[in-house]
N, C-alpha and C. Protein backbone atom coordinates (compact mmCIF):
# COMPACT_ATOMS: atom_id res chain seq x y z
N MET A 1 9.94 45.41 42.48
CA MET A 1 9.30 44.73 41.34
C MET A 1 9.92 43.35 41.15
N ALA A 2 9.09 42.36 40.95
CA ALA A 2 9.58 40.99 40.79
C ALA A 2 10.29 40.84 39.46
N THR A 3 11.35 40.06 39.45
CA THR A 3 12.08 39.80 38.22
C THR A 3 11.31 38.79 37.38
N ILE A 4 11.73 38.63 36.10
CA ILE A 4 11.07 37.67 35.23
C ILE A 4 11.20 36.27 35.78
N SER A 5 12.40 35.93 36.29
CA SER A 5 12.60 34.59 36.82
C SER A 5 11.72 34.32 38.02
N GLN A 6 11.50 35.35 38.85
CA GLN A 6 10.61 35.18 40.00
C GLN A 6 9.18 34.98 39.56
N LYS A 7 8.77 35.71 38.54
CA LYS A 7 7.39 35.58 38.04
C LYS A 7 7.14 34.21 37.45
N LEU A 8 8.19 33.67 36.80
CA LEU A 8 8.03 32.36 36.19
C LEU A 8 7.90 31.25 37.21
N THR A 9 8.47 31.45 38.41
CA THR A 9 8.47 30.39 39.41
C THR A 9 7.42 30.57 40.49
N GLU A 10 6.96 31.78 40.69
CA GLU A 10 5.98 31.99 41.76
C GLU A 10 4.63 31.43 41.38
N PRO A 11 3.88 30.85 42.33
CA PRO A 11 2.55 30.30 42.02
C PRO A 11 1.55 31.39 41.72
N SER A 12 0.64 31.13 40.81
CA SER A 12 -0.41 32.10 40.50
C SER A 12 -1.67 31.70 41.23
N ALA A 13 -2.64 32.60 41.19
CA ALA A 13 -3.91 32.34 41.88
C ALA A 13 -4.66 31.18 41.25
N HIS A 14 -4.33 30.88 40.00
CA HIS A 14 -5.04 29.82 39.29
C HIS A 14 -4.20 28.55 39.16
N SER A 15 -3.00 28.54 39.75
CA SER A 15 -2.14 27.37 39.59
C SER A 15 -2.61 26.22 40.46
N ALA A 16 -2.23 25.02 40.04
CA ALA A 16 -2.59 23.83 40.80
C ALA A 16 -1.54 22.76 40.55
N THR A 17 -1.35 21.91 41.54
CA THR A 17 -0.39 20.83 41.39
C THR A 17 -1.03 19.68 40.62
N ILE A 18 -0.41 19.33 39.48
CA ILE A 18 -0.97 18.28 38.64
C ILE A 18 0.11 17.23 38.40
N LYS A 19 -0.19 16.00 38.63
CA LYS A 19 0.74 14.92 38.36
C LYS A 19 0.47 14.37 36.97
N PRO A 20 1.45 14.50 36.07
CA PRO A 20 1.26 14.00 34.70
C PRO A 20 0.92 12.52 34.68
N LYS A 21 -0.11 12.18 33.92
CA LYS A 21 -0.54 10.79 33.82
C LYS A 21 -0.53 10.28 32.39
N GLY A 22 0.04 11.08 31.50
CA GLY A 22 0.07 10.65 30.11
C GLY A 22 0.55 11.75 29.21
N ARG A 23 0.68 11.42 27.94
CA ARG A 23 1.19 12.38 26.97
C ARG A 23 0.31 13.61 26.85
N ASN A 24 -1.02 13.44 26.85
CA ASN A 24 -1.92 14.58 26.71
C ASN A 24 -1.79 15.55 27.87
N VAL A 25 -1.63 15.02 29.08
CA VAL A 25 -1.47 15.87 30.26
C VAL A 25 -0.16 16.65 30.14
N LYS A 26 0.89 15.98 29.70
CA LYS A 26 2.19 16.63 29.56
C LYS A 26 2.13 17.76 28.54
N ARG A 27 1.45 17.49 27.42
CA ARG A 27 1.31 18.53 26.40
C ARG A 27 0.55 19.74 26.94
N ARG A 28 -0.48 19.47 27.74
CA ARG A 28 -1.27 20.56 28.30
C ARG A 28 -0.42 21.40 29.26
N LEU A 29 0.40 20.74 30.05
CA LEU A 29 1.26 21.44 30.99
C LEU A 29 2.29 22.30 30.25
N VAL A 30 2.85 21.74 29.18
CA VAL A 30 3.82 22.49 28.39
C VAL A 30 3.17 23.72 27.77
N LYS A 31 1.94 23.54 27.23
CA LYS A 31 1.24 24.65 26.61
C LYS A 31 0.90 25.73 27.63
N GLU A 32 0.45 25.31 28.83
CA GLU A 32 0.12 26.28 29.87
C GLU A 32 1.36 27.06 30.30
N SER A 33 2.49 26.38 30.41
CA SER A 33 3.74 27.04 30.79
C SER A 33 4.16 28.04 29.72
N PHE A 34 4.03 27.63 28.46
CA PHE A 34 4.42 28.49 27.36
C PHE A 34 3.52 29.72 27.28
N GLU A 35 2.22 29.53 27.50
CA GLU A 35 1.28 30.64 27.49
C GLU A 35 1.63 31.64 28.59
N ARG A 36 2.09 31.14 29.72
CA ARG A 36 2.45 32.03 30.81
C ARG A 36 3.71 32.83 30.47
N ILE A 37 4.65 32.17 29.81
CA ILE A 37 5.87 32.87 29.37
C ILE A 37 5.51 33.97 28.38
N LEU A 38 4.58 33.68 27.46
CA LEU A 38 4.14 34.68 26.49
C LEU A 38 3.52 35.88 27.19
N SER A 39 2.74 35.61 28.22
CA SER A 39 2.11 36.68 28.98
C SER A 39 3.16 37.59 29.61
N LEU A 40 4.22 36.98 30.13
CA LEU A 40 5.29 37.76 30.76
C LEU A 40 6.05 38.57 29.72
N LEU A 41 6.28 37.99 28.54
CA LEU A 41 6.96 38.70 27.47
C LEU A 41 6.14 39.91 27.03
N GLN A 42 4.83 39.76 27.04
CA GLN A 42 3.95 40.87 26.70
C GLN A 42 4.09 41.99 27.72
N GLN A 43 4.19 41.63 28.99
CA GLN A 43 4.30 42.62 30.06
C GLN A 43 5.58 43.45 29.97
N ILE A 44 6.66 42.85 29.46
CA ILE A 44 7.92 43.60 29.37
C ILE A 44 8.05 44.35 28.04
N SER A 45 6.96 44.36 27.27
CA SER A 45 6.88 45.15 26.03
C SER A 45 7.94 44.77 25.00
N LEU A 46 8.17 43.48 24.85
CA LEU A 46 9.13 43.01 23.86
C LEU A 46 8.70 43.40 22.45
N HIS A 47 7.39 43.57 22.25
CA HIS A 47 6.86 43.88 20.92
C HIS A 47 7.34 45.23 20.39
N GLU A 48 7.79 46.10 21.28
CA GLU A 48 8.23 47.42 20.85
C GLU A 48 9.47 47.34 19.96
N LYS A 49 10.18 46.22 20.02
CA LYS A 49 11.37 46.03 19.19
C LYS A 49 11.12 44.99 18.09
N SER A 50 9.85 44.67 17.87
CA SER A 50 9.53 43.62 16.91
C SER A 50 9.77 44.04 15.48
N PRO A 51 10.45 43.21 14.69
CA PRO A 51 10.56 43.47 13.25
C PRO A 51 9.23 43.11 12.60
N LYS A 52 9.07 43.45 11.35
CA LYS A 52 7.87 43.10 10.61
C LYS A 52 7.99 41.66 10.11
N LEU A 53 7.05 40.79 10.51
CA LEU A 53 7.06 39.39 10.11
C LEU A 53 5.87 39.07 9.22
N PHE A 54 6.08 38.13 8.30
CA PHE A 54 4.97 37.62 7.49
C PHE A 54 5.06 36.10 7.49
N VAL A 55 3.91 35.44 7.63
CA VAL A 55 3.87 33.98 7.68
C VAL A 55 3.24 33.43 6.40
N ILE A 56 3.98 32.56 5.72
CA ILE A 56 3.49 31.90 4.51
C ILE A 56 3.19 30.44 4.83
N TYR A 57 1.99 29.99 4.45
CA TYR A 57 1.63 28.59 4.68
C TYR A 57 0.46 28.21 3.78
N ALA A 58 0.30 26.91 3.57
CA ALA A 58 -0.83 26.42 2.78
C ALA A 58 -1.99 26.08 3.71
N HIS A 59 -3.20 26.31 3.25
CA HIS A 59 -4.38 25.97 4.03
C HIS A 59 -4.74 24.49 3.80
N ASP A 60 -5.49 23.95 4.71
CA ASP A 60 -5.89 22.55 4.60
C ASP A 60 -6.64 22.30 3.28
N ASN A 61 -6.32 21.18 2.64
CA ASN A 61 -6.95 20.82 1.38
C ASN A 61 -6.95 19.30 1.28
N LYS A 62 -8.07 18.68 1.64
CA LYS A 62 -8.16 17.22 1.68
C LYS A 62 -7.95 16.58 0.32
N SER A 63 -8.24 17.31 -0.75
CA SER A 63 -8.11 16.74 -2.09
C SER A 63 -6.66 16.41 -2.45
N THR A 64 -5.70 17.00 -1.75
CA THR A 64 -4.29 16.73 -2.04
C THR A 64 -3.84 15.40 -1.45
N GLY A 65 -4.56 14.93 -0.42
CA GLY A 65 -4.17 13.70 0.26
C GLY A 65 -3.06 13.92 1.27
N PHE A 66 -2.70 15.19 1.49
CA PHE A 66 -1.64 15.52 2.44
C PHE A 66 -2.16 16.39 3.58
N GLU A 67 -1.35 16.52 4.60
CA GLU A 67 -1.69 17.35 5.75
C GLU A 67 -0.96 18.68 5.64
N ALA A 68 -1.69 19.79 5.80
CA ALA A 68 -1.09 21.12 5.72
C ALA A 68 -0.71 21.66 7.10
N TYR A 69 -1.25 21.06 8.15
CA TYR A 69 -1.00 21.50 9.53
C TYR A 69 -1.39 22.97 9.73
N GLN A 70 -2.50 23.33 9.13
CA GLN A 70 -2.98 24.71 9.19
C GLN A 70 -3.21 25.19 10.62
N GLU A 71 -3.81 24.34 11.45
CA GLU A 71 -4.09 24.76 12.82
C GLU A 71 -2.81 24.99 13.62
N THR A 72 -1.77 24.21 13.31
CA THR A 72 -0.48 24.41 13.98
C THR A 72 0.08 25.79 13.65
N VAL A 73 0.01 26.16 12.37
CA VAL A 73 0.51 27.46 11.94
C VAL A 73 -0.30 28.58 12.59
N LYS A 74 -1.61 28.41 12.63
CA LYS A 74 -2.46 29.44 13.24
C LYS A 74 -2.13 29.62 14.71
N GLU A 75 -1.74 28.52 15.35
CA GLU A 75 -1.38 28.62 16.76
C GLU A 75 -0.09 29.43 16.93
N TYR A 76 0.86 29.22 16.03
CA TYR A 76 2.07 30.02 16.05
C TYR A 76 1.74 31.50 15.89
N ILE A 77 0.86 31.81 14.93
CA ILE A 77 0.48 33.20 14.68
C ILE A 77 -0.19 33.80 15.92
N SER A 78 -1.05 33.01 16.57
CA SER A 78 -1.74 33.51 17.77
C SER A 78 -0.75 33.78 18.89
N TRP A 79 0.31 32.95 18.97
CA TRP A 79 1.34 33.19 19.99
C TRP A 79 2.08 34.50 19.71
N PHE A 80 2.44 34.72 18.45
CA PHE A 80 3.12 35.96 18.09
C PHE A 80 2.25 37.17 18.41
N LYS A 81 0.98 37.06 18.07
CA LYS A 81 0.07 38.18 18.30
C LYS A 81 -0.19 38.41 19.79
N LYS A 82 -0.12 37.34 20.56
CA LYS A 82 -0.36 37.48 22.00
C LYS A 82 0.68 38.38 22.64
N ILE A 83 1.92 38.32 22.15
CA ILE A 83 2.95 39.20 22.69
C ILE A 83 3.11 40.45 21.82
N ARG A 84 2.09 40.67 20.97
CA ARG A 84 1.97 41.89 20.17
C ARG A 84 3.10 42.06 19.17
N PHE A 85 3.62 40.96 18.65
CA PHE A 85 4.61 41.04 17.59
C PHE A 85 3.94 41.56 16.33
N ASN A 86 4.72 42.24 15.51
CA ASN A 86 4.22 42.81 14.27
C ASN A 86 4.22 41.72 13.20
N VAL A 87 3.21 40.86 13.24
CA VAL A 87 3.16 39.70 12.35
C VAL A 87 1.84 39.64 11.60
N ASP A 88 1.91 39.20 10.34
CA ASP A 88 0.71 39.08 9.53
C ASP A 88 0.82 37.89 8.58
N SER A 89 -0.31 37.56 7.99
CA SER A 89 -0.38 36.51 6.98
C SER A 89 -1.46 36.92 5.99
N ASP A 90 -1.75 36.06 5.03
CA ASP A 90 -2.77 36.42 4.04
C ASP A 90 -4.15 36.60 4.66
N LYS A 91 -4.39 35.95 5.81
CA LYS A 91 -5.71 35.98 6.43
C LYS A 91 -5.85 37.01 7.54
N SER A 92 -4.83 37.83 7.75
CA SER A 92 -4.92 38.82 8.81
C SER A 92 -5.94 39.89 8.43
N PRO A 93 -7.02 40.05 9.19
CA PRO A 93 -8.09 40.95 8.80
C PRO A 93 -7.74 42.42 8.90
N HIS A 94 -6.73 42.77 9.71
CA HIS A 94 -6.42 44.18 9.90
C HIS A 94 -5.35 44.69 8.95
N GLY A 95 -4.79 43.82 8.13
CA GLY A 95 -3.75 44.26 7.22
C GLY A 95 -2.44 44.46 7.94
N TYR A 96 -1.42 44.91 7.23
CA TYR A 96 -0.12 45.07 7.85
C TYR A 96 0.10 46.52 8.24
N GLY A 97 1.00 46.74 9.13
CA GLY A 97 1.37 48.09 9.53
C GLY A 97 2.58 48.03 10.42
N VAL A 98 3.41 49.07 10.42
CA VAL A 98 4.57 49.07 11.28
C VAL A 98 4.10 49.14 12.72
N ALA A 99 4.98 48.79 13.66
CA ALA A 99 4.60 48.73 15.07
C ALA A 99 3.97 50.04 15.53
N HIS A 100 2.87 49.92 16.26
CA HIS A 100 2.15 51.05 16.85
C HIS A 100 1.39 51.89 15.82
N GLU A 101 1.26 51.39 14.61
CA GLU A 101 0.45 52.07 13.61
C GLU A 101 -0.74 51.21 13.24
N VAL A 102 -1.82 51.86 12.82
CA VAL A 102 -3.00 51.12 12.40
C VAL A 102 -2.79 50.62 10.98
N GLY A 103 -3.02 49.34 10.75
CA GLY A 103 -2.84 48.77 9.42
C GLY A 103 -4.06 49.06 8.54
N HIS A 104 -3.97 48.68 7.28
CA HIS A 104 -5.11 48.87 6.38
C HIS A 104 -6.10 47.72 6.54
N ARG A 105 -7.15 47.73 5.75
CA ARG A 105 -8.21 46.73 5.91
C ARG A 105 -7.76 45.33 5.52
N GLY A 106 -6.77 45.23 4.66
CA GLY A 106 -6.15 43.94 4.35
C GLY A 106 -7.11 42.85 3.92
N ALA A 107 -6.87 41.66 4.47
CA ALA A 107 -7.58 40.47 4.01
C ALA A 107 -9.06 40.47 4.34
N SER A 108 -9.51 41.43 5.14
CA SER A 108 -10.94 41.50 5.40
C SER A 108 -11.68 41.84 4.11
N THR A 109 -10.98 42.43 3.15
CA THR A 109 -11.60 42.76 1.87
C THR A 109 -10.83 42.20 0.68
N ASP A 110 -9.53 41.98 0.83
CA ASP A 110 -8.72 41.59 -0.32
C ASP A 110 -7.39 40.98 0.15
N ILE A 111 -7.21 39.68 -0.06
CA ILE A 111 -5.99 38.99 0.36
C ILE A 111 -4.75 39.60 -0.28
N PHE A 112 -4.83 39.97 -1.55
CA PHE A 112 -3.68 40.50 -2.27
C PHE A 112 -3.10 41.73 -1.57
N THR A 113 -3.96 42.52 -0.96
CA THR A 113 -3.51 43.73 -0.27
C THR A 113 -2.51 43.41 0.83
N ASN A 114 -2.67 42.28 1.47
CA ASN A 114 -1.70 41.84 2.48
C ASN A 114 -0.44 41.29 1.84
N GLN A 115 -0.60 40.54 0.76
CA GLN A 115 0.52 39.81 0.18
C GLN A 115 1.62 40.70 -0.40
N VAL A 116 1.27 41.88 -0.86
CA VAL A 116 2.27 42.74 -1.51
C VAL A 116 3.33 43.24 -0.53
N CYS A 117 3.14 43.05 0.77
CA CYS A 117 4.17 43.48 1.72
C CYS A 117 5.40 42.58 1.62
N LEU A 118 5.31 41.50 0.82
CA LEU A 118 6.45 40.61 0.59
C LEU A 118 7.42 41.18 -0.45
N LEU A 119 7.02 42.23 -1.13
CA LEU A 119 7.91 42.89 -2.09
C LEU A 119 9.00 43.65 -1.34
N PRO A 120 10.08 44.03 -2.03
CA PRO A 120 11.21 44.68 -1.35
C PRO A 120 10.81 45.85 -0.46
N ARG A 121 11.48 45.95 0.67
CA ARG A 121 11.20 47.02 1.62
C ARG A 121 11.51 48.40 1.02
N THR A 122 12.42 48.43 0.06
CA THR A 122 12.74 49.69 -0.60
C THR A 122 11.57 50.20 -1.44
N TRP A 123 10.61 49.32 -1.70
CA TRP A 123 9.45 49.73 -2.48
C TRP A 123 8.41 50.43 -1.60
N HIS A 124 8.37 50.05 -0.33
CA HIS A 124 7.36 50.62 0.58
C HIS A 124 7.84 50.42 2.02
N HIS A 125 7.71 51.44 2.85
CA HIS A 125 8.26 51.38 4.21
C HIS A 125 7.56 50.36 5.12
N GLN A 126 6.38 49.89 4.74
CA GLN A 126 5.65 48.94 5.58
C GLN A 126 5.92 47.48 5.21
N HIS A 127 6.86 47.24 4.32
CA HIS A 127 7.11 45.87 3.90
C HIS A 127 7.95 45.09 4.91
N VAL A 128 8.03 43.77 4.70
CA VAL A 128 8.53 42.86 5.73
C VAL A 128 10.03 42.90 5.96
N ASP A 129 10.43 42.48 7.18
CA ASP A 129 11.82 42.29 7.53
C ASP A 129 12.17 40.80 7.48
N TYR A 130 11.24 39.96 7.96
CA TYR A 130 11.45 38.52 8.00
C TYR A 130 10.21 37.80 7.46
N VAL A 131 10.45 36.62 6.86
CA VAL A 131 9.36 35.79 6.37
C VAL A 131 9.52 34.39 6.93
N LEU A 132 8.47 33.88 7.55
CA LEU A 132 8.45 32.51 8.04
C LEU A 132 7.66 31.67 7.04
N VAL A 133 8.32 30.69 6.43
CA VAL A 133 7.65 29.82 5.46
C VAL A 133 7.43 28.46 6.11
N PHE A 134 6.17 28.13 6.38
CA PHE A 134 5.82 26.84 6.95
C PHE A 134 5.62 25.86 5.79
N TYR A 135 6.60 25.01 5.58
CA TYR A 135 6.64 24.14 4.42
C TYR A 135 5.94 22.81 4.72
N SER A 136 4.90 22.49 3.96
CA SER A 136 4.16 21.24 4.11
C SER A 136 4.09 20.54 2.75
N LYS A 137 3.64 19.30 2.76
CA LYS A 137 3.49 18.57 1.49
C LYS A 137 2.39 19.19 0.64
N VAL A 138 1.44 19.82 1.27
CA VAL A 138 0.38 20.50 0.51
C VAL A 138 0.99 21.66 -0.27
N LEU A 139 1.81 22.46 0.40
CA LEU A 139 2.48 23.58 -0.27
C LEU A 139 3.39 23.06 -1.38
N ALA A 140 4.09 21.97 -1.11
CA ALA A 140 4.99 21.38 -2.12
C ALA A 140 4.22 20.95 -3.36
N SER A 141 3.03 20.38 -3.16
CA SER A 141 2.22 19.93 -4.31
C SER A 141 1.73 21.11 -5.13
N TYR A 142 1.39 22.22 -4.47
CA TYR A 142 0.97 23.42 -5.20
C TYR A 142 2.12 23.97 -6.04
N MET A 143 3.30 24.02 -5.45
CA MET A 143 4.47 24.58 -6.14
C MET A 143 4.90 23.69 -7.30
N LYS A 144 4.76 22.40 -7.14
CA LYS A 144 5.10 21.47 -8.23
C LYS A 144 4.18 21.70 -9.43
N TYR A 145 2.87 21.84 -9.17
CA TYR A 145 1.93 22.07 -10.26
C TYR A 145 2.21 23.42 -10.92
N GLU A 146 2.54 24.42 -10.11
CA GLU A 146 2.81 25.76 -10.65
C GLU A 146 3.99 25.73 -11.60
N ARG A 147 4.99 24.92 -11.32
CA ARG A 147 6.17 24.83 -12.18
C ARG A 147 5.84 24.14 -13.51
N GLU A 148 4.77 23.35 -13.51
CA GLU A 148 4.40 22.59 -14.71
C GLU A 148 3.37 23.31 -15.57
N PHE A 149 2.62 24.25 -14.96
CA PHE A 149 1.56 24.95 -15.69
C PHE A 149 2.12 26.22 -16.32
N MET A 150 1.86 26.39 -17.61
CA MET A 150 2.38 27.58 -18.30
C MET A 150 1.34 28.23 -19.18
N ILE A 151 1.46 29.52 -19.33
CA ILE A 151 0.68 30.27 -20.30
C ILE A 151 1.69 30.89 -21.26
N GLU A 152 1.63 30.50 -22.52
CA GLU A 152 2.56 30.96 -23.55
C GLU A 152 4.01 30.74 -23.11
N GLY A 153 4.25 29.56 -22.53
CA GLY A 153 5.60 29.17 -22.16
C GLY A 153 6.13 29.80 -20.88
N THR A 154 5.26 30.44 -20.10
CA THR A 154 5.69 31.12 -18.88
C THR A 154 4.90 30.63 -17.68
N THR A 155 5.60 30.30 -16.60
CA THR A 155 4.93 29.89 -15.36
C THR A 155 4.44 31.14 -14.62
N TYR A 156 3.60 30.91 -13.62
CA TYR A 156 3.06 32.03 -12.83
C TYR A 156 4.17 32.78 -12.12
N SER A 157 5.06 32.06 -11.47
CA SER A 157 6.13 32.72 -10.72
C SER A 157 7.06 33.51 -11.65
N ASP A 158 7.32 32.98 -12.84
CA ASP A 158 8.17 33.70 -13.80
C ASP A 158 7.46 34.95 -14.32
N ALA A 159 6.16 34.85 -14.51
CA ALA A 159 5.39 36.02 -14.98
C ALA A 159 5.39 37.11 -13.91
N ILE A 160 5.24 36.71 -12.65
CA ILE A 160 5.29 37.68 -11.55
C ILE A 160 6.67 38.33 -11.49
N TYR A 161 7.72 37.50 -11.62
CA TYR A 161 9.08 38.01 -11.56
C TYR A 161 9.34 39.04 -12.67
N LYS A 162 8.93 38.70 -13.87
CA LYS A 162 9.14 39.60 -15.00
C LYS A 162 8.39 40.92 -14.80
N THR A 163 7.17 40.84 -14.31
CA THR A 163 6.37 42.05 -14.06
C THR A 163 7.01 42.92 -13.00
N CYS A 164 7.50 42.30 -11.93
CA CYS A 164 8.14 43.05 -10.85
C CYS A 164 9.43 43.72 -11.33
N GLU A 165 10.16 43.04 -12.20
CA GLU A 165 11.38 43.63 -12.77
C GLU A 165 11.04 44.89 -13.56
N GLU A 166 9.97 44.82 -14.34
CA GLU A 166 9.54 45.97 -15.14
C GLU A 166 9.10 47.12 -14.23
N ILE A 167 8.43 46.77 -13.14
CA ILE A 167 7.91 47.78 -12.21
C ILE A 167 9.05 48.47 -11.46
N GLN A 168 10.07 47.71 -11.12
CA GLN A 168 11.15 48.21 -10.27
C GLN A 168 11.79 49.49 -10.80
N ASP A 169 11.97 49.56 -12.09
CA ASP A 169 12.61 50.74 -12.70
C ASP A 169 11.70 51.96 -12.68
N SER A 170 10.40 51.77 -12.51
CA SER A 170 9.47 52.90 -12.54
C SER A 170 9.11 53.42 -11.15
N LEU A 171 9.66 52.77 -10.12
CA LEU A 171 9.33 53.18 -8.75
C LEU A 171 10.39 54.10 -8.14
N ARG A 172 10.83 55.04 -8.89
CA ARG A 172 11.92 55.90 -8.43
C ARG A 172 11.43 56.97 -7.45
N GLU A 173 10.25 57.51 -7.68
CA GLU A 173 9.74 58.56 -6.80
C GLU A 173 8.99 58.02 -5.59
N ARG A 174 8.64 56.73 -5.64
CA ARG A 174 7.93 56.06 -4.54
C ARG A 174 6.63 56.78 -4.17
N SER A 175 5.94 57.31 -5.15
CA SER A 175 4.68 58.00 -4.88
C SER A 175 3.57 56.99 -4.71
N GLN A 176 2.48 57.40 -4.06
CA GLN A 176 1.33 56.52 -3.87
C GLN A 176 0.72 56.13 -5.20
N GLU A 177 0.74 57.04 -6.15
CA GLU A 177 0.19 56.76 -7.47
C GLU A 177 0.99 55.65 -8.16
N GLN A 178 2.33 55.71 -8.06
CA GLN A 178 3.17 54.68 -8.65
C GLN A 178 2.96 53.34 -7.96
N TRP A 179 2.81 53.38 -6.63
CA TRP A 179 2.62 52.14 -5.87
C TRP A 179 1.29 51.48 -6.26
N THR A 180 0.25 52.26 -6.39
CA THR A 180 -1.06 51.74 -6.79
C THR A 180 -0.99 51.12 -8.18
N SER A 181 -0.29 51.79 -9.09
CA SER A 181 -0.13 51.28 -10.45
C SER A 181 0.65 49.97 -10.45
N ALA A 182 1.67 49.87 -9.62
CA ALA A 182 2.48 48.65 -9.53
C ALA A 182 1.64 47.48 -9.05
N CYS A 183 0.85 47.72 -8.01
CA CYS A 183 -0.02 46.67 -7.47
C CYS A 183 -1.03 46.21 -8.50
N ASP A 184 -1.57 47.14 -9.28
CA ASP A 184 -2.55 46.79 -10.31
C ASP A 184 -1.93 45.89 -11.39
N LYS A 185 -0.68 46.14 -11.74
CA LYS A 185 -0.01 45.33 -12.76
C LYS A 185 0.21 43.90 -12.26
N ILE A 186 0.61 43.77 -11.01
CA ILE A 186 0.83 42.44 -10.43
C ILE A 186 -0.50 41.71 -10.29
N ARG A 187 -1.51 42.44 -9.87
CA ARG A 187 -2.84 41.86 -9.70
C ARG A 187 -3.39 41.34 -11.04
N THR A 188 -3.09 42.04 -12.12
CA THR A 188 -3.53 41.62 -13.45
C THR A 188 -2.94 40.26 -13.80
N VAL A 189 -1.65 40.06 -13.48
CA VAL A 189 -1.00 38.77 -13.73
C VAL A 189 -1.65 37.70 -12.88
N GLN A 190 -1.91 38.01 -11.63
CA GLN A 190 -2.54 37.06 -10.72
C GLN A 190 -3.90 36.62 -11.25
N GLN A 191 -4.70 37.56 -11.68
CA GLN A 191 -6.04 37.25 -12.17
C GLN A 191 -5.98 36.41 -13.45
N ARG A 192 -5.03 36.70 -14.31
CA ARG A 192 -4.89 35.96 -15.56
C ARG A 192 -4.59 34.48 -15.29
N PHE A 193 -3.66 34.22 -14.37
CA PHE A 193 -3.29 32.84 -14.08
C PHE A 193 -4.34 32.14 -13.22
N SER A 194 -4.97 32.86 -12.32
CA SER A 194 -5.99 32.22 -11.48
C SER A 194 -7.17 31.76 -12.32
N GLN A 195 -7.52 32.54 -13.33
CA GLN A 195 -8.62 32.15 -14.22
C GLN A 195 -8.24 30.95 -15.07
N ALA A 196 -6.97 30.88 -15.47
CA ALA A 196 -6.52 29.78 -16.32
C ALA A 196 -6.31 28.50 -15.52
N MET A 197 -5.78 28.63 -14.30
CA MET A 197 -5.49 27.46 -13.46
C MET A 197 -6.72 26.96 -12.71
N LYS A 198 -7.72 27.85 -12.60
CA LYS A 198 -8.99 27.50 -11.94
C LYS A 198 -8.77 26.98 -10.52
N ASP A 199 -9.30 25.81 -10.20
CA ASP A 199 -9.22 25.29 -8.82
C ASP A 199 -7.79 24.93 -8.40
N SER A 200 -6.89 24.85 -9.36
CA SER A 200 -5.50 24.52 -9.03
C SER A 200 -4.69 25.75 -8.65
N PHE A 201 -5.32 26.93 -8.74
CA PHE A 201 -4.63 28.16 -8.32
C PHE A 201 -4.89 28.37 -6.83
N HIS A 202 -3.83 28.66 -6.10
CA HIS A 202 -3.94 28.92 -4.66
C HIS A 202 -3.17 30.19 -4.33
N HIS A 203 -3.75 31.01 -3.45
CA HIS A 203 -3.17 32.32 -3.16
C HIS A 203 -1.76 32.25 -2.59
N VAL A 204 -1.42 31.14 -1.96
CA VAL A 204 -0.07 31.01 -1.40
C VAL A 204 0.98 31.06 -2.52
N LEU A 205 0.60 30.72 -3.74
CA LEU A 205 1.54 30.78 -4.87
C LEU A 205 1.95 32.22 -5.18
N THR A 206 1.05 33.15 -4.92
CA THR A 206 1.40 34.57 -5.10
C THR A 206 2.46 34.96 -4.08
N GLU A 207 2.30 34.47 -2.87
CA GLU A 207 3.26 34.80 -1.81
C GLU A 207 4.65 34.23 -2.11
N THR A 208 4.70 32.98 -2.55
CA THR A 208 6.00 32.38 -2.85
C THR A 208 6.64 33.06 -4.07
N ALA A 209 5.83 33.50 -5.02
CA ALA A 209 6.35 34.18 -6.22
C ALA A 209 6.91 35.55 -5.85
N LEU A 210 6.19 36.31 -5.04
CA LEU A 210 6.67 37.63 -4.61
C LEU A 210 7.93 37.50 -3.77
N LEU A 211 7.94 36.50 -2.88
CA LEU A 211 9.11 36.28 -2.04
C LEU A 211 10.32 35.90 -2.88
N SER A 212 10.10 35.08 -3.90
CA SER A 212 11.18 34.67 -4.79
C SER A 212 11.81 35.87 -5.48
N PHE A 213 10.98 36.79 -5.94
CA PHE A 213 11.51 38.01 -6.58
C PHE A 213 12.35 38.81 -5.60
N THR A 214 11.84 39.01 -4.40
CA THR A 214 12.55 39.80 -3.40
C THR A 214 13.88 39.15 -3.02
N ASN A 215 13.86 37.84 -2.81
CA ASN A 215 15.09 37.14 -2.44
C ASN A 215 16.13 37.14 -3.57
N ARG A 216 15.66 36.90 -4.79
CA ARG A 216 16.58 36.83 -5.93
C ARG A 216 17.22 38.17 -6.25
N ASN A 217 16.62 39.24 -5.76
CA ASN A 217 17.19 40.57 -5.94
C ASN A 217 18.02 41.00 -4.74
N GLY A 218 18.23 40.05 -3.82
CA GLY A 218 19.09 40.32 -2.67
C GLY A 218 18.57 41.34 -1.70
N GLN A 219 17.24 41.52 -1.67
CA GLN A 219 16.68 42.55 -0.80
C GLN A 219 15.99 41.97 0.43
N LEU A 220 16.05 40.65 0.57
CA LEU A 220 15.52 40.03 1.78
C LEU A 220 16.26 38.72 1.99
N ASP A 221 17.17 38.69 2.95
CA ASP A 221 17.95 37.49 3.21
C ASP A 221 17.57 36.85 4.55
N LYS A 222 16.35 37.13 4.98
CA LYS A 222 15.92 36.67 6.29
C LYS A 222 14.66 35.82 6.19
N THR A 223 14.67 34.89 5.25
CA THR A 223 13.58 33.94 5.10
C THR A 223 13.86 32.75 6.00
N ILE A 224 12.89 32.39 6.85
CA ILE A 224 13.07 31.33 7.82
C ILE A 224 12.15 30.16 7.45
N PRO A 225 12.71 29.05 6.94
CA PRO A 225 11.87 27.89 6.60
C PRO A 225 11.59 27.03 7.81
N ILE A 226 10.36 26.56 7.94
CA ILE A 226 9.97 25.66 9.01
C ILE A 226 9.31 24.45 8.37
N ILE A 227 9.92 23.28 8.51
CA ILE A 227 9.42 22.07 7.87
C ILE A 227 8.35 21.42 8.74
N LEU A 228 7.16 21.27 8.19
CA LEU A 228 6.05 20.69 8.95
C LEU A 228 5.86 19.21 8.64
N SER A 229 6.35 18.74 7.51
CA SER A 229 6.17 17.34 7.15
C SER A 229 7.28 16.86 6.25
């Protein structure tokens, strides 16, 4: 059996000698090489040891005047999925699930259903191990507005935090009924603020709020920030 290093260097049936003639050609060659490496990683079943990942990012929004680099983030997600890593985001249609298990319907019907996996892993066995936060100026503008908007003196993230604190003490038996009730309470806060903030409410704010609660309680110390702008 050929080793990984041999596979990386041996010519394929579709390979061709190309002399770089510019930046675009070089980028294409780099991408093709990286895609081939991903294919090899898939073959050696690296995904079997994959932790649960969640990707947080802002979607493109021309009204902000900033670039969100949404397509760049989607490309990262596609790379992770190509090697079958256990990764999801708010837009993942199959929902989250531990490796080799079928996930729920997730964002195909309800974005919030995916987002709650950002809560502490002690709350539910399918919750995340690592979070990748793709930080852009669009996301920064959303978070700035969220800090300034209040209902009865409380911001959205603070309201989420307070609700999660109240829920935490009631999740002792970890029953499905308790979990459903917890999600309903958080969803109620989300709906209240989304109606009040109107077009200025963005679902990524729910993700950053849930992540903030989990991190501040010391139950997730593996947040990986990636600066896009």
